[in-house]
Amino acid sequence: MANPDALPAGADPNLATVEVEFVEGAPKDRFVIQNTGACGLEDLTVALDLSSSAGGLIFDTSATGAGVEVFQPFEVEEGDIAQLVANRVEDGDTELALRIATLGAGDRASFTIDVDDTLPQGELGQIRVADSEISGARVTITAGDSAVTAAEFSNGSIARAQLSPCPSA
């Protein structure tokens, strides 16, 4: 078991917890996946589903297609991330699945991509995403053989999933 004094702030020493944060940026948006729990995780699958987002969000990965103006392809920024579903995210997709081999307690992985809303009158226009527009999007997380856990993005652009108790030392 991890040393409770070395845990991230607010971590429950008995739970495996993962936070996924959306960070609006220009020209690239960022998703940060952080293990805020007390134990390391292996064989992590993270599936993002933007289809139920308040802003009707889509991934904008090419100059042609559903996105607006600026586009950015999927790019790993930090960590050992591999895409599961396809070799690349298509323009206009609303789903993306990733595999992360290991994510220790307190560790993070991140990737960049462009996300646009599809609202006719978006809060920040269609090329930028407001916190309220990602609200309702979902993330589903599986770690090894643990049960699948789904979480919804809040108005603060964070989805927090508690997976299971940490394995005994």
C-alpha atoms as a PDB file:
ATOM      1  CA  MET A   1       0.000   0.000   0.000  1.00  0.00           C
ATOM      2  CA  ALA A   2       1.182   3.540  -0.749  1.00  0.00           C
ATOM      3  CA  ASN A   3       2.575   5.776   1.965  1.00  0.00           C
ATOM      4  CA  PRO A   4      -0.413   7.934   3.078  1.00  0.00           C
ATOM      5  CA  ASP A   5       1.911  10.913   3.655  1.00  0.00           C
ATOM      6  CA  ALA A   6       2.978  10.841  -0.030  1.00  0.00           C
ATOM      7  CA  LEU A   7      -0.553  10.831  -1.485  1.00  0.00           C
ATOM      8  CA  PRO A   8      -1.952  13.615  -3.658  1.00  0.00           C
ATOM      9  CA  ALA A   9      -4.011  16.133  -1.655  1.00  0.00           C
ATOM     10  CA  GLY A  10      -7.475  14.779  -0.868  1.00  0.00           C
ATOM     11  CA  ALA A  11      -6.664  11.194  -1.919  1.00  0.00           C
ATOM     12  CA  ASP A  12      -8.396   8.445   0.006  1.00  0.00           C
ATOM     13  CA  PRO A  13      -5.670   5.934   0.955  1.00  0.00           C
ATOM     14  CA  ASN A  14      -8.038   3.049   0.257  1.00  0.00           C
ATOM     15  CA  LEU A  15      -9.356   3.966  -3.190  1.00  0.00           C
ATOM     16  CA  ALA A  16      -8.127   4.006  -6.770  1.00  0.00           C
ATOM     17  CA  THR A  17      -9.293   7.332  -8.226  1.00  0.00           C
ATOM     18  CA  VAL A  18      -8.739   8.841 -11.675  1.00  0.00           C
ATOM     19  CA  GLU A  19      -9.528  12.411 -12.728  1.00  0.00           C
ATOM     20  CA  VAL A  20      -9.842  13.493 -16.339  1.00  0.00           C
ATOM     21  CA  GLU A  21      -9.628  17.249 -16.877  1.00  0.00           C
ATOM     22  CA  PHE A  22     -10.414  19.148 -20.070  1.00  0.00           C
ATOM     23  CA  VAL A  23      -8.302  22.289 -20.516  1.00  0.00           C
ATOM     24  CA  GLU A  24      -9.423  24.740 -23.209  1.00  0.00           C
ATOM     25  CA  GLY A  25      -6.454  26.158 -25.061  1.00  0.00           C
ATOM     26  CA  ALA A  26      -5.436  27.798 -28.284  1.00  0.00           C
ATOM     27  CA  PRO A  27      -4.613  26.375 -30.683  1.00  0.00           C
ATOM     28  CA  LYS A  28      -4.736  22.985 -28.886  1.00  0.00           C
ATOM     29  CA  ASP A  29      -7.102  21.724 -26.219  1.00  0.00           C
ATOM     30  CA  ARG A  30      -5.735  19.299 -23.642  1.00  0.00           C
ATOM     31  CA  PHE A  31      -7.069  16.310 -21.727  1.00  0.00           C
ATOM     32  CA  VAL A  32      -5.136  15.460 -18.542  1.00  0.00           C
ATOM     33  CA  ILE A  33      -5.629  12.037 -16.974  1.00  0.00           C
ATOM     34  CA  GLN A  34      -4.334  11.890 -13.391  1.00  0.00           C
ATOM     35  CA  ASN A  35      -4.257   9.108 -10.845  1.00  0.00           C
ATOM     36  CA  THR A  36      -5.313  11.000  -7.703  1.00  0.00           C
ATOM     37  CA  GLY A  37      -5.748   7.782  -5.729  1.00  0.00           C
ATOM     38  CA  ALA A  38      -3.468   5.899  -3.407  1.00  0.00           C
ATOM     39  CA  CYS A  39      -2.398   2.995  -5.583  1.00  0.00           C
ATOM     40  CA  GLY A  40      -0.791   2.518  -8.954  1.00  0.00           C
ATOM     41  CA  LEU A  41      -2.986   1.380 -11.829  1.00  0.00           C
ATOM     42  CA  GLU A  42      -2.113  -0.965 -14.675  1.00  0.00           C
ATOM     43  CA  ASP A  43      -3.736  -1.663 -18.018  1.00  0.00           C
ATOM     44  CA  LEU A  44      -5.903   1.449 -17.837  1.00  0.00           C
ATOM     45  CA  THR A  45      -8.522   2.076 -20.521  1.00  0.00           C
ATOM     46  CA  VAL A  46      -9.961   5.591 -20.784  1.00  0.00           C
ATOM     47  CA  ALA A  47     -12.906   6.135 -23.145  1.00  0.00           C
ATOM     48  CA  LEU A  48     -14.174   9.675 -23.779  1.00  0.00           C
ATOM     49  CA  ASP A  49     -17.693  10.204 -25.083  1.00  0.00           C
ATOM     50  CA  LEU A  50     -18.572  13.800 -25.975  1.00  0.00           C
ATOM     51  CA  SER A  51     -21.941  12.932 -27.550  1.00  0.00           C
ATOM     52  CA  SER A  52     -23.960  13.855 -24.450  1.00  0.00           C
ATOM     53  CA  SER A  53     -22.103  17.126 -23.793  1.00  0.00           C
ATOM     54  CA  ALA A  54     -24.169  20.286 -23.342  1.00  0.00           C
ATOM     55  CA  GLY A  55     -22.294  21.926 -26.234  1.00  0.00           C
ATOM     56  CA  GLY A  56     -22.614  19.051 -28.712  1.00  0.00           C
ATOM     57  CA  LEU A  57     -18.813  18.755 -28.715  1.00  0.00           C
ATOM     58  CA  ILE A  58     -16.800  17.109 -31.489  1.00  0.00           C
ATOM     59  CA  PHE A  59     -13.140  16.460 -32.179  1.00  0.00           C
ATOM     60  CA  ASP A  60     -11.845  18.786 -34.934  1.00  0.00           C
ATOM     61  CA  THR A  61      -8.855  17.035 -36.497  1.00  0.00           C
ATOM     62  CA  SER A  62      -8.719  18.218 -40.113  1.00  0.00           C
ATOM     63  CA  ALA A  63      -9.181  21.319 -42.257  1.00  0.00           C
ATOM     64  CA  THR A  64     -12.234  19.815 -43.945  1.00  0.00           C
ATOM     65  CA  GLY A  65     -15.237  18.329 -42.218  1.00  0.00           C
ATOM     66  CA  ALA A  66     -17.373  19.110 -39.209  1.00  0.00           C
ATOM     67  CA  GLY A  67     -14.987  21.355 -37.257  1.00  0.00           C
ATOM     68  CA  VAL A  68     -14.648  25.114 -37.411  1.00  0.00           C
ATOM     69  CA  GLU A  69     -11.517  27.005 -38.549  1.00  0.00           C
ATOM     70  CA  VAL A  70      -8.485  25.859 -36.521  1.00  0.00           C
ATOM     71  CA  PHE A  71      -7.976  22.083 -36.240  1.00  0.00           C
ATOM     72  CA  GLN A  72      -5.470  19.905 -34.378  1.00  0.00           C
ATOM     73  CA  PRO A  73      -4.880  16.159 -34.647  1.00  0.00           C
ATOM     74  CA  PHE A  74      -4.548  13.865 -31.624  1.00  0.00           C
ATOM     75  CA  GLU A  75      -1.064  14.131 -30.106  1.00  0.00           C
ATOM     76  CA  VAL A  76       0.308  12.490 -26.963  1.00  0.00           C
ATOM     77  CA  GLU A  77       1.833  15.124 -24.720  1.00  0.00           C
ATOM     78  CA  GLU A  78       2.797  13.181 -21.590  1.00  0.00           C
ATOM     79  CA  GLY A  79       2.737   9.505 -20.596  1.00  0.00           C
ATOM     80  CA  ASP A  80       2.510   6.192 -22.419  1.00  0.00           C
ATOM     81  CA  ILE A  81      -0.814   6.588 -24.244  1.00  0.00           C
ATOM     82  CA  ALA A  82      -1.968   4.433 -27.156  1.00  0.00           C
ATOM     83  CA  GLN A  83      -5.218   4.812 -29.095  1.00  0.00           C
ATOM     84  CA  LEU A  84      -7.426   1.728 -29.014  1.00  0.00           C
ATOM     85  CA  VAL A  85     -10.177   2.224 -31.555  1.00  0.00           C
ATOM     86  CA  ALA A  86      -8.274   3.456 -34.590  1.00  0.00           C
ATOM     87  CA  ASN A  87      -4.928   4.821 -35.632  1.00  0.00           C
ATOM     88  CA  ARG A  88      -6.397   8.301 -35.601  1.00  0.00           C
ATOM     89  CA  VAL A  89      -9.429  10.274 -34.529  1.00  0.00           C
ATOM     90  CA  GLU A  90     -11.571  11.315 -37.494  1.00  0.00           C
ATOM     91  CA  ASP A  91     -12.850  14.870 -37.884  1.00  0.00           C
ATOM     92  CA  GLY A  92     -16.286  15.160 -36.266  1.00  0.00           C
ATOM     93  CA  ASP A  93     -15.885  12.085 -34.023  1.00  0.00           C
ATOM     94  CA  THR A  94     -17.373  12.263 -30.546  1.00  0.00           C
ATOM     95  CA  GLU A  95     -15.636   9.213 -29.070  1.00  0.00           C
ATOM     96  CA  LEU A  96     -12.021   8.347 -28.354  1.00  0.00           C
ATOM     97  CA  ALA A  97     -10.594   5.327 -26.486  1.00  0.00           C
ATOM     98  CA  LEU A  98      -7.083   5.166 -25.044  1.00  0.00           C
ATOM     99  CA  ARG A  99      -4.883   2.636 -23.290  1.00  0.00           C
ATOM    100  CA  ILE A 100      -2.347   3.593 -20.659  1.00  0.00           C
ATOM    101  CA  ALA A 101      -0.049   0.741 -19.574  1.00  0.00           C
ATOM    102  CA  THR A 102       0.681   2.112 -16.089  1.00  0.00           C
ATOM    103  CA  LEU A 103      -0.312   5.183 -14.109  1.00  0.00           C
ATOM    104  CA  GLY A 104       1.235   5.391 -10.645  1.00  0.00           C
ATOM    105  CA  ALA A 105      -0.331   7.205  -7.695  1.00  0.00           C
ATOM    106  CA  GLY A 106      -0.017  10.918  -8.418  1.00  0.00           C
ATOM    107  CA  ASP A 107       1.107  10.336 -12.015  1.00  0.00           C
ATOM    108  CA  ARG A 108      -0.543  11.847 -15.055  1.00  0.00           C
ATOM    109  CA  ALA A 109      -0.785  11.420 -18.786  1.00  0.00           C
ATOM    110  CA  SER A 110      -2.073  13.961 -21.275  1.00  0.00           C
ATOM    111  CA  PHE A 111      -2.835  14.531 -24.920  1.00  0.00           C
ATOM    112  CA  THR A 112      -3.816  17.455 -27.110  1.00  0.00           C
ATOM    113  CA  ILE A 113      -6.500  17.698 -29.776  1.00  0.00           C
ATOM    114  CA  ASP A 114      -8.941  20.361 -30.944  1.00  0.00           C
ATOM    115  CA  VAL A 115     -12.482  20.251 -29.575  1.00  0.00           C
ATOM    116  CA  ASP A 116     -15.272  22.421 -31.026  1.00  0.00           C
ATOM    117  CA  ASP A 117     -18.882  22.883 -30.022  1.00  0.00           C
ATOM    118  CA  THR A 118     -21.730  22.577 -32.525  1.00  0.00           C
ATOM    119  CA  LEU A 119     -24.067  25.121 -30.947  1.00  0.00           C
ATOM    120  CA  PRO A 120     -25.271  27.893 -33.280  1.00  0.00           C
ATOM    121  CA  GLN A 121     -24.576  30.437 -30.512  1.00  0.00           C
ATOM    122  CA  GLY A 122     -21.890  28.903 -28.281  1.00  0.00           C
ATOM    123  CA  GLU A 123     -20.858  30.776 -25.146  1.00  0.00           C
ATOM    124  CA  LEU A 124     -17.323  31.357 -26.520  1.00  0.00           C
ATOM    125  CA  GLY A 125     -18.083  30.743 -30.209  1.00  0.00           C
ATOM    126  CA  GLN A 126     -17.592  27.349 -31.847  1.00  0.00           C
ATOM    127  CA  ILE A 127     -13.793  27.194 -31.806  1.00  0.00           C
ATOM    128  CA  ARG A 128     -13.480  27.562 -28.030  1.00  0.00           C
ATOM    129  CA  VAL A 129     -15.234  25.427 -25.425  1.00  0.00           C
ATOM    130  CA  ALA A 130     -16.664  26.861 -22.201  1.00  0.00           C
ATOM    131  CA  ASP A 131     -16.703  24.772 -19.007  1.00  0.00           C
ATOM    132  CA  SER A 132     -20.482  24.548 -19.219  1.00  0.00           C
ATOM    133  CA  GLU A 133     -20.306  23.080 -22.754  1.00  0.00           C
ATOM    134  CA  ILE A 134     -18.339  19.953 -21.753  1.00  0.00           C
ATOM    135  CA  SER A 135     -20.738  19.338 -18.889  1.00  0.00           C
ATOM    136  CA  GLY A 136     -22.551  16.033 -19.485  1.00  0.00           C
ATOM    137  CA  ALA A 137     -19.750  14.437 -21.537  1.00  0.00           C
ATOM    138  CA  ARG A 138     -18.713  11.085 -20.096  1.00  0.00           C
ATOM    139  CA  VAL A 139     -15.524   9.192 -19.392  1.00  0.00           C
ATOM    140  CA  THR A 140     -15.471   5.449 -18.811  1.00  0.00           C
ATOM    141  CA  ILE A 141     -12.444   3.965 -17.076  1.00  0.00           C
ATOM    142  CA  THR A 142     -11.321   0.380 -16.616  1.00  0.00           C
ATOM    143  CA  ALA A 143      -8.154  -0.630 -14.782  1.00  0.00           C
ATOM    144  CA  GLY A 144      -7.042  -4.215 -15.361  1.00  0.00           C
ATOM    145  CA  ASP A 145      -9.836  -6.535 -14.269  1.00  0.00           C
ATOM    146  CA  SER A 146     -11.685  -3.949 -12.166  1.00  0.00           C
ATOM    147  CA  ALA A 147     -15.247  -3.030 -12.965  1.00  0.00           C
ATOM    148  CA  VAL A 148     -15.895  -0.322 -15.498  1.00  0.00           C
ATOM    149  CA  THR A 149     -16.525   3.042 -13.867  1.00  0.00           C
ATOM    150  CA  ALA A 150     -18.205   5.940 -15.641  1.00  0.00           C
ATOM    151  CA  ALA A 151     -18.099   9.577 -14.618  1.00  0.00           C
ATOM    152  CA  GLU A 152     -19.604  12.719 -16.068  1.00  0.00           C
ATOM    153  CA  PHE A 153     -17.740  15.964 -16.642  1.00  0.00           C
ATOM    154  CA  SER A 154     -18.880  18.657 -14.251  1.00  0.00           C
ATOM    155  CA  ASN A 155     -19.239  22.343 -14.977  1.00  0.00           C
ATOM    156  CA  GLY A 156     -15.573  22.682 -13.889  1.00  0.00           C
ATOM    157  CA  SER A 157     -14.381  20.487 -16.808  1.00  0.00           C
ATOM    158  CA  ILE A 158     -13.368  17.553 -14.571  1.00  0.00           C
ATOM    159  CA  ALA A 159     -14.683  13.990 -14.480  1.00  0.00           C
ATOM    160  CA  ARG A 160     -13.711  12.015 -11.353  1.00  0.00           C
ATOM    161  CA  ALA A 161     -14.038   8.231 -11.237  1.00  0.00           C
ATOM    162  CA  GLN A 162     -13.465   6.072  -8.174  1.00  0.00           C
ATOM    163  CA  LEU A 163     -12.558   2.660  -9.471  1.00  0.00           C
ATOM    164  CA  SER A 164     -12.182   0.264  -6.565  1.00  0.00           C
ATOM    165  CA  PRO A 165     -10.377  -0.303  -3.324  1.00  0.00           C
ATOM    166  CA  CYS A 166      -6.609  -0.502  -3.720  1.00  0.00           C
ATOM    167  CA  PRO A 167      -5.272  -4.049  -3.795  1.00  0.00           C
ATOM    168  CA  SER A 168      -3.840  -5.213  -0.473  1.00  0.00           C
ATOM    169  CA  ALA A 169      -0.085  -4.966  -0.110  1.00  0.00           C
END
